[in-house]
Amino acid sequence: MALQPGGYTDRPEDDNTKKAHPAFNRGKVRGILETLSIIKKIITGEDDGSGIINSPEIEKIRKSIFLMKNTTDKQTLQEAVKIAETLRYQ
């Protein structure tokens, strides 16, 4: 176990459990919200597909969503945009 600044003990074995340090849970929620934001930007057209996400796994999902978006009919895409724009975390 490593003692962290401020006296907290880092216990990786507690990650994803009820015993997890609050910072782990805040980081997890933030990561989920960041990923949802990436997906929303693709759906709404804010992300035009240029560039690359630093996480290889998120970039794979991003490219997959672009493929699905580009093969979707216009009406379905418009409905998806309406739904994406109602997300509460914005």
PDB file of N, CA and C in Angstrom:
ATOM      1  N   MET A   1       0.831  -1.189   0.000  1.00  0.00           N
ATOM      2  CA  MET A   1       0.000   0.000   0.000  1.00  0.00           C
ATOM      3  C   MET A   1       0.867   1.240   0.000  1.00  0.00           C
ATOM      4  N   ALA A   2       0.509   2.165  -0.831  1.00  0.00           N
ATOM      5  CA  ALA A   2       1.267   3.416  -0.919  1.00  0.00           C
ATOM      6  C   ALA A   2       0.502   4.523  -0.210  1.00  0.00           C
ATOM      7  N   LEU A   3       1.212   5.268   0.607  1.00  0.00           N
ATOM      8  CA  LEU A   3       0.600   6.404   1.287  1.00  0.00           C
ATOM      9  C   LEU A   3       0.602   7.590   0.337  1.00  0.00           C
ATOM     10  N   GLN A   4      -0.574   8.165   0.129  1.00  0.00           N
ATOM     11  CA  GLN A   4      -0.733   9.273  -0.798  1.00  0.00           C
ATOM     12  C   GLN A   4      -0.664  10.608  -0.056  1.00  0.00           C
ATOM     13  N   PRO A   5      -0.402  11.711  -0.775  1.00  0.00           N
ATOM     14  CA  PRO A   5      -0.426  13.025  -0.146  1.00  0.00           C
ATOM     15  C   PRO A   5      -1.768  13.242   0.553  1.00  0.00           C
ATOM     16  N   GLY A   6      -1.735  13.833   1.716  1.00  0.00           N
ATOM     17  CA  GLY A   6      -2.959  14.050   2.474  1.00  0.00           C
ATOM     18  C   GLY A   6      -3.283  12.888   3.381  1.00  0.00           C
ATOM     19  N   GLY A   7      -2.458  11.858   3.379  1.00  0.00           N
ATOM     20  CA  GLY A   7      -2.647  10.746   4.284  1.00  0.00           C
ATOM     21  C   GLY A   7      -3.553   9.644   3.779  1.00  0.00           C
ATOM     22  N   TYR A   8      -4.060   9.722   2.573  1.00  0.00           N
ATOM     23  CA  TYR A   8      -4.932   8.677   2.067  1.00  0.00           C
ATOM     24  C   TYR A   8      -4.104   7.478   1.637  1.00  0.00           C
ATOM     25  N   THR A   9      -4.657   6.317   1.855  1.00  0.00           N
ATOM     26  CA  THR A   9      -3.996   5.100   1.431  1.00  0.00           C
ATOM     27  C   THR A   9      -4.611   4.645   0.125  1.00  0.00           C
ATOM     28  N   ASP A  10      -3.785   4.428  -0.858  1.00  0.00           N
ATOM     29  CA  ASP A  10      -4.257   3.941  -2.146  1.00  0.00           C
ATOM     30  C   ASP A  10      -4.408   2.434  -2.055  1.00  0.00           C
ATOM     31  N   ARG A  11      -5.615   1.967  -2.266  1.00  0.00           N
ATOM     32  CA  ARG A  11      -5.880   0.537  -2.223  1.00  0.00           C
ATOM     33  C   ARG A  11      -6.539   0.127  -3.538  1.00  0.00           C
ATOM     34  N   PRO A  12      -5.725  -0.124  -4.567  1.00  0.00           N
ATOM     35  CA  PRO A  12      -6.294  -0.490  -5.869  1.00  0.00           C
ATOM     36  C   PRO A  12      -7.247  -1.679  -5.799  1.00  0.00           C
ATOM     37  N   GLU A  13      -7.036  -2.546  -4.830  1.00  0.00           N
ATOM     38  CA  GLU A  13      -7.921  -3.714  -4.730  1.00  0.00           C
ATOM     39  C   GLU A  13      -9.350  -3.311  -4.365  1.00  0.00           C
ATOM     40  N   ASP A  14      -9.536  -2.075  -3.870  1.00  0.00           N
ATOM     41  CA  ASP A  14     -10.874  -1.592  -3.535  1.00  0.00           C
ATOM     42  C   ASP A  14     -11.570  -0.905  -4.712  1.00  0.00           C
ATOM     43  N   ASP A  15     -10.843  -0.636  -5.793  1.00  0.00           N
ATOM     44  CA  ASP A  15     -11.454   0.008  -6.948  1.00  0.00           C
ATOM     45  C   ASP A  15     -12.633  -0.812  -7.433  1.00  0.00           C
ATOM     46  N   ASN A  16     -13.690  -0.128  -7.822  1.00  0.00           N
ATOM     47  CA  ASN A  16     -14.935  -0.750  -8.296  1.00  0.00           C
ATOM     48  C   ASN A  16     -15.674  -1.514  -7.199  1.00  0.00           C
ATOM     49  N   THR A  17     -15.424  -1.161  -5.955  1.00  0.00           N
ATOM     50  CA  THR A  17     -16.170  -1.753  -4.851  1.00  0.00           C
ATOM     51  C   THR A  17     -16.754  -0.625  -4.006  1.00  0.00           C
ATOM     52  N   LYS A  18     -17.571  -0.987  -3.028  1.00  0.00           N
ATOM     53  CA  LYS A  18     -18.145   0.017  -2.129  1.00  0.00           C
ATOM     54  C   LYS A  18     -17.081   0.666  -1.252  1.00  0.00           C
ATOM     55  N   LYS A  19     -15.918   0.033  -1.128  1.00  0.00           N
ATOM     56  CA  LYS A  19     -14.827   0.567  -0.307  1.00  0.00           C
ATOM     57  C   LYS A  19     -13.930   1.532  -1.085  1.00  0.00           C
ATOM     58  N   ALA A  20     -14.197   1.735  -2.361  1.00  0.00           N
ATOM     59  CA  ALA A  20     -13.319   2.554  -3.206  1.00  0.00           C
ATOM     60  C   ALA A  20     -13.215   3.973  -2.668  1.00  0.00           C
ATOM     61  N   HIS A  21     -12.044   4.554  -2.807  1.00  0.00           N
ATOM     62  CA  HIS A  21     -11.808   5.937  -2.407  1.00  0.00           C
ATOM     63  C   HIS A  21     -12.743   6.827  -3.225  1.00  0.00           C
ATOM     64  N   PRO A  22     -13.322   7.878  -2.625  1.00  0.00           N
ATOM     65  CA  PRO A  22     -14.241   8.760  -3.367  1.00  0.00           C
ATOM     66  C   PRO A  22     -13.647   9.309  -4.663  1.00  0.00           C
ATOM     67  N   ALA A  23     -12.347   9.551  -4.700  1.00  0.00           N
ATOM     68  CA  ALA A  23     -11.718  10.077  -5.912  1.00  0.00           C
ATOM     69  C   ALA A  23     -11.799   9.064  -7.053  1.00  0.00           C
ATOM     70  N   PHE A  24     -11.748   7.774  -6.727  1.00  0.00           N
ATOM     71  CA  PHE A  24     -11.880   6.746  -7.770  1.00  0.00           C
ATOM     72  C   PHE A  24     -13.253   6.858  -8.417  1.00  0.00           C
ATOM     73  N   ASN A  25     -14.284   6.967  -7.570  1.00  0.00           N
ATOM     74  CA  ASN A  25     -15.644   7.049  -8.097  1.00  0.00           C
ATOM     75  C   ASN A  25     -15.870   8.343  -8.881  1.00  0.00           C
ATOM     76  N   ARG A  26     -15.321   9.461  -8.409  1.00  0.00           N
ATOM     77  CA  ARG A  26     -15.455  10.721  -9.146  1.00  0.00           C
ATOM     78  C   ARG A  26     -14.760  10.604 -10.492  1.00  0.00           C
ATOM     79  N   GLY A  27     -13.586   9.992 -10.517  1.00  0.00           N
ATOM     80  CA  GLY A  27     -12.862   9.810 -11.769  1.00  0.00           C
ATOM     81  C   GLY A  27     -13.609   8.905 -12.724  1.00  0.00           C
ATOM     82  N   LYS A  28     -14.239   7.886 -12.188  1.00  0.00           N
ATOM     83  CA  LYS A  28     -14.999   6.954 -13.013  1.00  0.00           C
ATOM     84  C   LYS A  28     -16.196   7.663 -13.644  1.00  0.00           C
ATOM     85  N   VAL A  29     -16.928   8.421 -12.849  1.00  0.00           N
ATOM     86  CA  VAL A  29     -18.081   9.161 -13.362  1.00  0.00           C
ATOM     87  C   VAL A  29     -17.624  10.176 -14.398  1.00  0.00           C
ATOM     88  N   ARG A  30     -16.553  10.883 -14.121  1.00  0.00           N
ATOM     89  CA  ARG A  30     -16.047  11.884 -15.070  1.00  0.00           C
ATOM     90  C   ARG A  30     -15.663  11.222 -16.396  1.00  0.00           C
ATOM     91  N   GLY A  31     -15.018  10.063 -16.318  1.00  0.00           N
ATOM     92  CA  GLY A  31     -14.636   9.346 -17.533  1.00  0.00           C
ATOM     93  C   GLY A  31     -15.845   8.928 -18.357  1.00  0.00           C
ATOM     94  N   ILE A  32     -16.894   8.487 -17.683  1.00  0.00           N
ATOM     95  CA  ILE A  32     -18.120   8.099 -18.383  1.00  0.00           C
ATOM     96  C   ILE A  32     -18.733   9.316 -19.060  1.00  0.00           C
ATOM     97  N   LEU A  33     -18.800  10.435 -18.339  1.00  0.00           N
ATOM     98  CA  LEU A  33     -19.384  11.648 -18.909  1.00  0.00           C
ATOM     99  C   LEU A  33     -18.564  12.159 -20.092  1.00  0.00           C
ATOM    100  N   GLU A  34     -17.244  12.073 -19.999  1.00  0.00           N
ATOM    101  CA  GLU A  34     -16.384  12.497 -21.116  1.00  0.00           C
ATOM    102  C   GLU A  34     -16.640  11.626 -22.348  1.00  0.00           C
ATOM    103  N   THR A  35     -16.790  10.324 -22.139  1.00  0.00           N
ATOM    104  CA  THR A  35     -17.045   9.410 -23.246  1.00  0.00           C
ATOM    105  C   THR A  35     -18.413   9.682 -23.864  1.00  0.00           C
ATOM    106  N   LEU A  36     -19.423   9.921 -23.029  1.00  0.00           N
ATOM    107  CA  LEU A  36     -20.749  10.261 -23.550  1.00  0.00           C
ATOM    108  C   LEU A  36     -20.709  11.553 -24.350  1.00  0.00           C
ATOM    109  N   SER A  37     -19.908  12.498 -23.897  1.00  0.00           N
ATOM    110  CA  SER A  37     -19.766  13.764 -24.620  1.00  0.00           C
ATOM    111  C   SER A  37     -19.167  13.545 -26.011  1.00  0.00           C
ATOM    112  N   ILE A  38     -18.189  12.665 -26.102  1.00  0.00           N
ATOM    113  CA  ILE A  38     -17.576  12.335 -27.394  1.00  0.00           C
ATOM    114  C   ILE A  38     -18.625  11.741 -28.330  1.00  0.00           C
ATOM    115  N   ILE A  39     -19.422  10.817 -27.816  1.00  0.00           N
ATOM    116  CA  ILE A  39     -20.449  10.169 -28.630  1.00  0.00           C
ATOM    117  C   ILE A  39     -21.506  11.178 -29.058  1.00  0.00           C
ATOM    118  N   LYS A  40     -21.925  12.036 -28.138  1.00  0.00           N
ATOM    119  CA  LYS A  40     -22.928  13.054 -28.459  1.00  0.00           C
ATOM    120  C   LYS A  40     -22.427  13.976 -29.570  1.00  0.00           C
ATOM    121  N   LYS A  41     -21.165  14.372 -29.506  1.00  0.00           N
ATOM    122  CA  LYS A  41     -20.617  15.276 -30.517  1.00  0.00           C
ATOM    123  C   LYS A  41     -20.616  14.629 -31.900  1.00  0.00           C
ATOM    124  N   ILE A  42     -20.431  13.327 -31.965  1.00  0.00           N
ATOM    125  CA  ILE A  42     -20.486  12.622 -33.247  1.00  0.00           C
ATOM    126  C   ILE A  42     -21.919  12.657 -33.781  1.00  0.00           C
ATOM    127  N   ILE A  43     -22.865  12.316 -32.920  1.00  0.00           N
ATOM    128  CA  ILE A  43     -24.272  12.247 -33.329  1.00  0.00           C
ATOM    129  C   ILE A  43     -24.783  13.602 -33.798  1.00  0.00           C
ATOM    130  N   THR A  44     -24.435  14.659 -33.057  1.00  0.00           N
ATOM    131  CA  THR A  44     -24.966  15.988 -33.380  1.00  0.00           C
ATOM    132  C   THR A  44     -24.185  16.702 -34.475  1.00  0.00           C
ATOM    133  N   GLY A  45     -23.060  16.127 -34.888  1.00  0.00           N
ATOM    134  CA  GLY A  45     -22.278  16.729 -35.967  1.00  0.00           C
ATOM    135  C   GLY A  45     -21.201  17.697 -35.504  1.00  0.00           C
ATOM    136  N   GLU A  46     -21.044  17.865 -34.200  1.00  0.00           N
ATOM    137  CA  GLU A  46     -19.981  18.740 -33.688  1.00  0.00           C
ATOM    138  C   GLU A  46     -18.599  18.153 -33.990  1.00  0.00           C
ATOM    139  N   ASP A  47     -18.510  16.843 -34.029  1.00  0.00           N
ATOM    140  CA  ASP A  47     -17.263  16.151 -34.369  1.00  0.00           C
ATOM    141  C   ASP A  47     -17.370  15.721 -35.824  1.00  0.00           C
ATOM    142  N   ASP A  48     -16.476  16.231 -36.664  1.00  0.00           N
ATOM    143  CA  ASP A  48     -16.542  15.924 -38.098  1.00  0.00           C
ATOM    144  C   ASP A  48     -15.685  14.722 -38.494  1.00  0.00           C
ATOM    145  N   GLY A  49     -15.078  14.077 -37.517  1.00  0.00           N
ATOM    146  CA  GLY A  49     -14.286  12.885 -37.805  1.00  0.00           C
ATOM    147  C   GLY A  49     -12.809  13.145 -37.976  1.00  0.00           C
ATOM    148  N   SER A  50     -12.415  14.421 -38.026  1.00  0.00           N
ATOM    149  CA  SER A  50     -10.986  14.714 -38.144  1.00  0.00           C
ATOM    150  C   SER A  50     -10.328  14.518 -36.781  1.00  0.00           C
ATOM    151  N   GLY A  51      -9.043  14.387 -36.793  1.00  0.00           N
ATOM    152  CA  GLY A  51      -8.318  14.201 -35.539  1.00  0.00           C
ATOM    153  C   GLY A  51      -8.425  12.783 -35.025  1.00  0.00           C
ATOM    154  N   ILE A  52      -7.993  12.623 -33.776  1.00  0.00           N
ATOM    155  CA  ILE A  52      -7.977  11.291 -33.170  1.00  0.00           C
ATOM    156  C   ILE A  52      -8.064  11.451 -31.651  1.00  0.00           C
ATOM    157  N   ILE A  53      -8.709  10.515 -30.999  1.00  0.00           N
ATOM    158  CA  ILE A  53      -8.799  10.481 -29.534  1.00  0.00           C
ATOM    159  C   ILE A  53      -7.561   9.742 -29.026  1.00  0.00           C
ATOM    160  N   ASN A  54      -6.972  10.213 -27.940  1.00  0.00           N
ATOM    161  CA  ASN A  54      -5.743   9.597 -27.412  1.00  0.00           C
ATOM    162  C   ASN A  54      -5.925   8.151 -26.957  1.00  0.00           C
ATOM    163  N   SER A  55      -7.111   7.817 -26.480  1.00  0.00           N
ATOM    164  CA  SER A  55      -7.359   6.442 -26.037  1.00  0.00           C
ATOM    165  C   SER A  55      -7.664   5.568 -27.252  1.00  0.00           C
ATOM    166  N   PRO A  56      -6.845   4.556 -27.510  1.00  0.00           N
ATOM    167  CA  PRO A  56      -7.098   3.692 -28.672  1.00  0.00           C
ATOM    168  C   PRO A  56      -8.473   3.023 -28.624  1.00  0.00           C
ATOM    169  N   GLU A  57      -8.927   2.639 -27.447  1.00  0.00           N
ATOM    170  CA  GLU A  57     -10.214   1.957 -27.327  1.00  0.00           C
ATOM    171  C   GLU A  57     -11.368   2.918 -27.606  1.00  0.00           C
ATOM    172  N   ILE A  58     -11.300   4.133 -27.083  1.00  0.00           N
ATOM    173  CA  ILE A  58     -12.357   5.110 -27.349  1.00  0.00           C
ATOM    174  C   ILE A  58     -12.331   5.512 -28.820  1.00  0.00           C
ATOM    175  N   GLU A  59     -11.154   5.600 -29.403  1.00  0.00           N
ATOM    176  CA  GLU A  59     -11.052   5.937 -30.827  1.00  0.00           C
ATOM    177  C   GLU A  59     -11.696   4.855 -31.693  1.00  0.00           C
ATOM    178  N   LYS A  60     -11.554   3.593 -31.315  1.00  0.00           N
ATOM    179  CA  LYS A  60     -12.205   2.515 -32.063  1.00  0.00           C
ATOM    180  C   LYS A  60     -13.725   2.684 -32.028  1.00  0.00           C
ATOM    181  N   ILE A  61     -14.250   2.984 -30.857  1.00  0.00           N
ATOM    182  CA  ILE A  61     -15.696   3.187 -30.713  1.00  0.00           C
ATOM    183  C   ILE A  61     -16.127   4.409 -31.517  1.00  0.00           C
ATOM    184  N   ARG A  62     -15.334   5.474 -31.467  1.00  0.00           N
ATOM    185  CA  ARG A  62     -15.637   6.709 -32.213  1.00  0.00           C
ATOM    186  C   ARG A  62     -15.740   6.410 -33.710  1.00  0.00           C
ATOM    187  N   LYS A  63     -14.772   5.687 -34.238  1.00  0.00           N
ATOM    188  CA  LYS A  63     -14.792   5.343 -35.662  1.00  0.00           C
ATOM    189  C   LYS A  63     -15.994   4.465 -36.001  1.00  0.00           C
ATOM    190  N   SER A  64     -16.321   3.542 -35.115  1.00  0.00           N
ATOM    191  CA  SER A  64     -17.472   2.667 -35.331  1.00  0.00           C
ATOM    192  C   SER A  64     -18.766   3.468 -35.381  1.00  0.00           C
ATOM    193  N   ILE A  65     -18.886   4.445 -34.497  1.00  0.00           N
ATOM    194  CA  ILE A  65     -20.097   5.278 -34.478  1.00  0.00           C
ATOM    195  C   ILE A  65     -20.186   6.108 -35.760  1.00  0.00           C
ATOM    196  N   PHE A  66     -19.044   6.625 -36.229  1.00  0.00           N
ATOM    197  CA  PHE A  66     -19.051   7.356 -37.499  1.00  0.00           C
ATOM    198  C   PHE A  66     -19.522   6.462 -38.641  1.00  0.00           C
ATOM    199  N   LEU A  67     -19.080   5.219 -38.674  1.00  0.00           N
ATOM    200  CA  LEU A  67     -19.527   4.294 -39.717  1.00  0.00           C
ATOM    201  C   LEU A  67     -21.041   4.090 -39.657  1.00  0.00           C
ATOM    202  N   MET A  68     -21.569   3.905 -38.453  1.00  0.00           N
ATOM    203  CA  MET A  68     -23.016   3.723 -38.304  1.00  0.00           C
ATOM    204  C   MET A  68     -23.760   4.994 -38.685  1.00  0.00           C
ATOM    205  N   LYS A  69     -23.237   6.129 -38.253  1.00  0.00           N
ATOM    206  CA  LYS A  69     -23.882   7.411 -38.566  1.00  0.00           C
ATOM    207  C   LYS A  69     -23.931   7.641 -40.070  1.00  0.00           C
ATOM    208  N   ASN A  70     -22.842   7.351 -40.752  1.00  0.00           N
ATOM    209  CA  ASN A  70     -22.758   7.608 -42.183  1.00  0.00           C
ATOM    210  C   ASN A  70     -23.618   6.657 -43.021  1.00  0.00           C
ATOM    211  N   THR A  71     -24.082   5.563 -42.430  1.00  0.00           N
ATOM    212  CA  THR A  71     -24.936   4.633 -43.165  1.00  0.00           C
ATOM    213  C   THR A  71     -26.397   4.724 -42.718  1.00  0.00           C
ATOM    214  N   THR A  72     -26.688   5.664 -41.832  1.00  0.00           N
ATOM    215  CA  THR A  72     -28.045   5.833 -41.316  1.00  0.00           C
ATOM    216  C   THR A  72     -28.810   6.822 -42.192  1.00  0.00           C
ATOM    217  N   ASP A  73     -30.108   6.559 -42.386  1.00  0.00           N
ATOM    218  CA  ASP A  73     -30.896   7.490 -43.195  1.00  0.00           C
ATOM    219  C   ASP A  73     -31.099   8.803 -42.435  1.00  0.00           C
ATOM    220  N   LYS A  74     -31.405   9.843 -43.183  1.00  0.00           N
ATOM    221  CA  LYS A  74     -31.477  11.210 -42.659  1.00  0.00           C
ATOM    222  C   LYS A  74     -32.518  11.352 -41.547  1.00  0.00           C
ATOM    223  N   GLN A  75     -33.682  10.750 -41.714  1.00  0.00           N
ATOM    224  CA  GLN A  75     -34.751  10.871 -40.714  1.00  0.00           C
ATOM    225  C   GLN A  75     -34.328  10.237 -39.386  1.00  0.00           C
ATOM    226  N   THR A  76     -33.729   9.078 -39.454  1.00  0.00           N
ATOM    227  CA  THR A  76     -33.270   8.404 -38.233  1.00  0.00           C
ATOM    228  C   THR A  76     -32.190   9.233 -37.547  1.00  0.00           C
ATOM    229  N   LEU A  77     -31.296   9.789 -38.333  1.00  0.00           N
ATOM    230  CA  LEU A  77     -30.232  10.625 -37.771  1.00  0.00           C
ATOM    231  C   LEU A  77     -30.816  11.870 -37.101  1.00  0.00           C
ATOM    232  N   GLN A  78     -31.813  12.481 -37.713  1.00  0.00           N
ATOM    233  CA  GLN A  78     -32.447  13.657 -37.107  1.00  0.00           C
ATOM    234  C   GLN A  78     -33.086  13.304 -35.772  1.00  0.00           C
ATOM    235  N   GLU A  79     -33.711  12.146 -35.678  1.00  0.00           N
ATOM    236  CA  GLU A  79     -34.301  11.690 -34.415  1.00  0.00           C
ATOM    237  C   GLU A  79     -33.214  11.459 -33.363  1.00  0.00           C
ATOM    238  N   ALA A  80     -32.102  10.865 -33.791  1.00  0.00           N
ATOM    239  CA  ALA A  80     -30.993  10.621 -32.862  1.00  0.00           C
ATOM    240  C   ALA A  80     -30.430  11.935 -32.332  1.00  0.00           C
ATOM    241  N   VAL A  81     -30.317  12.937 -33.193  1.00  0.00           N
ATOM    242  CA  VAL A  81     -29.814  14.251 -32.775  1.00  0.00           C
ATOM    243  C   VAL A  81     -30.753  14.857 -31.744  1.00  0.00           C
ATOM    244  N   LYS A  82     -32.062  14.792 -31.983  1.00  0.00           N
ATOM    245  CA  LYS A  82     -33.039  15.332 -31.023  1.00  0.00           C
ATOM    246  C   LYS A  82     -32.866  14.688 -29.649  1.00  0.00           C
ATOM    247  N   ILE A  83     -32.708  13.388 -29.653  1.00  0.00           N
ATOM    248  CA  ILE A  83     -32.537  12.672 -28.380  1.00  0.00           C
ATOM    249  C   ILE A  83     -31.221  13.052 -27.721  1.00  0.00           C
ATOM    250  N   ALA A  84     -30.143  13.084 -28.486  1.00  0.00           N
ATOM    251  CA  ALA A  84     -28.815  13.409 -27.927  1.00  0.00           C
ATOM    252  C   ALA A  84     -28.796  14.810 -27.317  1.00  0.00           C
ATOM    253  N   GLU A  85     -29.547  15.724 -27.899  1.00  0.00           N
ATOM    254  CA  GLU A  85     -29.547  17.091 -27.389  1.00  0.00           C
ATOM    255  C   GLU A  85     -30.349  17.246 -26.097  1.00  0.00           C
ATOM    256  N   THR A  86     -31.036  16.200 -25.665  1.00  0.00           N
ATOM    257  CA  THR A  86     -31.774  16.275 -24.407  1.00  0.00           C
ATOM    258  C   THR A  86     -30.993  15.723 -23.222  1.00  0.00           C
ATOM    259  N   LEU A  87     -29.755  15.285 -23.461  1.00  0.00           N
ATOM    260  CA  LEU A  87     -28.964  14.725 -22.363  1.00  0.00           C
ATOM    261  C   LEU A  87     -28.813  15.743 -21.245  1.00  0.00           C
ATOM    262  N   ARG A  88     -28.981  15.312 -20.009  1.00  0.00           N
ATOM    263  CA  ARG A  88     -28.994  16.213 -18.859  1.00  0.00           C
ATOM    264  C   ARG A  88     -27.611  16.611 -18.372  1.00  0.00           C
ATOM    265  N   TYR A  89     -26.586  15.873 -18.676  1.00  0.00           N
ATOM    266  CA  TYR A  89     -25.262  16.135 -18.106  1.00  0.00           C
ATOM    267  C   TYR A  89     -24.550  17.313 -18.757  1.00  0.00           C
ATOM    268  N   GLN A  90     -25.101  17.904 -19.781  1.00  0.00           N
ATOM    269  CA  GLN A  90     -24.432  18.965 -20.556  1.00  0.00           C
ATOM    270  C   GLN A  90     -24.045  20.129 -19.676  1.00  0.00           C
TER     271      GLN A  90
END
